[in-house]
Amino acid sequence: MTKYESNVLVSCIGVDNKQHICLPDSDICKCGVKIRRKKLLKNDHKLFSCYECTF
């Protein structure tokens, strides 16, 4: 079991300007991209999602 399967995951925005999934206390996303911000803004739902983080 990986660390992403056992903990709570939150949505975040990566430096590539896509939606990702990450741990609340992490500086990188599930796929390895650095996090730009963890707070989603009003129009962030319009951004594309990372394929690696969604599957």
C-alpha atoms as a PDB file:
ATOM      1  CA  MET A   1       0.000   0.000   0.000  1.00  0.00           C
ATOM      2  CA  THR A   2       1.420   3.385  -0.990  1.00  0.00           C
ATOM      3  CA  LYS A   3       1.245   6.478   1.160  1.00  0.00           C
ATOM      4  CA  TYR A   4      -1.457   7.937  -1.122  1.00  0.00           C
ATOM      5  CA  GLU A   5      -3.807   5.002  -0.527  1.00  0.00           C
ATOM      6  CA  SER A   6      -3.826   5.315   3.255  1.00  0.00           C
ATOM      7  CA  ASN A   7      -4.103   9.092   3.824  1.00  0.00           C
ATOM      8  CA  VAL A   8      -6.541  11.905   3.143  1.00  0.00           C
ATOM      9  CA  LEU A   9      -6.014  13.521  -0.265  1.00  0.00           C
ATOM     10  CA  VAL A  10      -6.795  17.122  -1.232  1.00  0.00           C
ATOM     11  CA  SER A  11      -7.131  18.858  -4.567  1.00  0.00           C
ATOM     12  CA  CYS A  12      -4.382  21.252  -5.558  1.00  0.00           C
ATOM     13  CA  ILE A  13      -3.011  23.187  -8.525  1.00  0.00           C
ATOM     14  CA  GLY A  14       0.421  22.295  -9.853  1.00  0.00           C
ATOM     15  CA  VAL A  15       3.021  24.522 -11.470  1.00  0.00           C
ATOM     16  CA  ASP A  16       1.817  23.159 -14.829  1.00  0.00           C
ATOM     17  CA  ASN A  17      -1.558  24.853 -14.143  1.00  0.00           C
ATOM     18  CA  LYS A  18      -3.518  21.584 -13.938  1.00  0.00           C
ATOM     19  CA  GLN A  19      -5.645  20.071 -11.167  1.00  0.00           C
ATOM     20  CA  HIS A  20      -3.776  17.469  -9.139  1.00  0.00           C
ATOM     21  CA  ILE A  21      -4.188  15.416  -5.954  1.00  0.00           C
ATOM     22  CA  CYS A  22      -1.779  15.699  -3.037  1.00  0.00           C
ATOM     23  CA  LEU A  23      -1.364  15.041   0.651  1.00  0.00           C
ATOM     24  CA  PRO A  24      -2.241  18.012   2.899  1.00  0.00           C
ATOM     25  CA  ASP A  25       1.321  18.377   4.214  1.00  0.00           C
ATOM     26  CA  SER A  26       3.194  17.594   0.966  1.00  0.00           C
ATOM     27  CA  ASP A  27       5.067  19.911  -1.412  1.00  0.00           C
ATOM     28  CA  ILE A  28       4.596  17.657  -4.439  1.00  0.00           C
ATOM     29  CA  CYS A  29       1.558  16.105  -6.090  1.00  0.00           C
ATOM     30  CA  LYS A  30       0.827  12.395  -6.428  1.00  0.00           C
ATOM     31  CA  CYS A  31       2.422  12.405  -9.898  1.00  0.00           C
ATOM     32  CA  GLY A  32       5.550  14.288  -8.775  1.00  0.00           C
ATOM     33  CA  VAL A  33       4.765  17.825  -9.996  1.00  0.00           C
ATOM     34  CA  LYS A  34       5.497  20.698  -7.597  1.00  0.00           C
ATOM     35  CA  ILE A  35       2.436  22.363  -6.055  1.00  0.00           C
ATOM     36  CA  ARG A  36       1.566  25.966  -6.898  1.00  0.00           C
ATOM     37  CA  ARG A  37      -1.294  26.237  -4.382  1.00  0.00           C
ATOM     38  CA  LYS A  38      -3.609  23.988  -2.386  1.00  0.00           C
ATOM     39  CA  LYS A  39      -6.501  26.422  -2.137  1.00  0.00           C
ATOM     40  CA  LEU A  40      -8.743  26.167  -5.198  1.00  0.00           C
ATOM     41  CA  LEU A  41      -9.999  29.454  -6.598  1.00  0.00           C
ATOM     42  CA  LYS A  42     -13.334  30.292  -8.220  1.00  0.00           C
ATOM     43  CA  ASN A  43     -12.441  29.248 -11.789  1.00  0.00           C
ATOM     44  CA  ASP A  44     -10.039  26.394 -11.033  1.00  0.00           C
ATOM     45  CA  HIS A  45     -12.714  23.819 -11.881  1.00  0.00           C
ATOM     46  CA  LYS A  46     -12.254  24.858 -15.546  1.00  0.00           C
ATOM     47  CA  LEU A  47      -8.606  23.733 -15.594  1.00  0.00           C
ATOM     48  CA  PHE A  48      -7.596  20.382 -17.027  1.00  0.00           C
ATOM     49  CA  SER A  49      -6.879  17.504 -14.645  1.00  0.00           C
ATOM     50  CA  CYS A  50      -3.638  15.561 -14.488  1.00  0.00           C
ATOM     51  CA  TYR A  51      -4.088  12.082 -15.974  1.00  0.00           C
ATOM     52  CA  GLU A  52      -1.702  10.408 -13.511  1.00  0.00           C
ATOM     53  CA  CYS A  53      -3.453  11.894 -10.472  1.00  0.00           C
ATOM     54  CA  THR A  54      -6.970  10.924 -11.575  1.00  0.00           C
ATOM     55  CA  PHE A  55      -6.173   7.224 -12.159  1.00  0.00           C
END
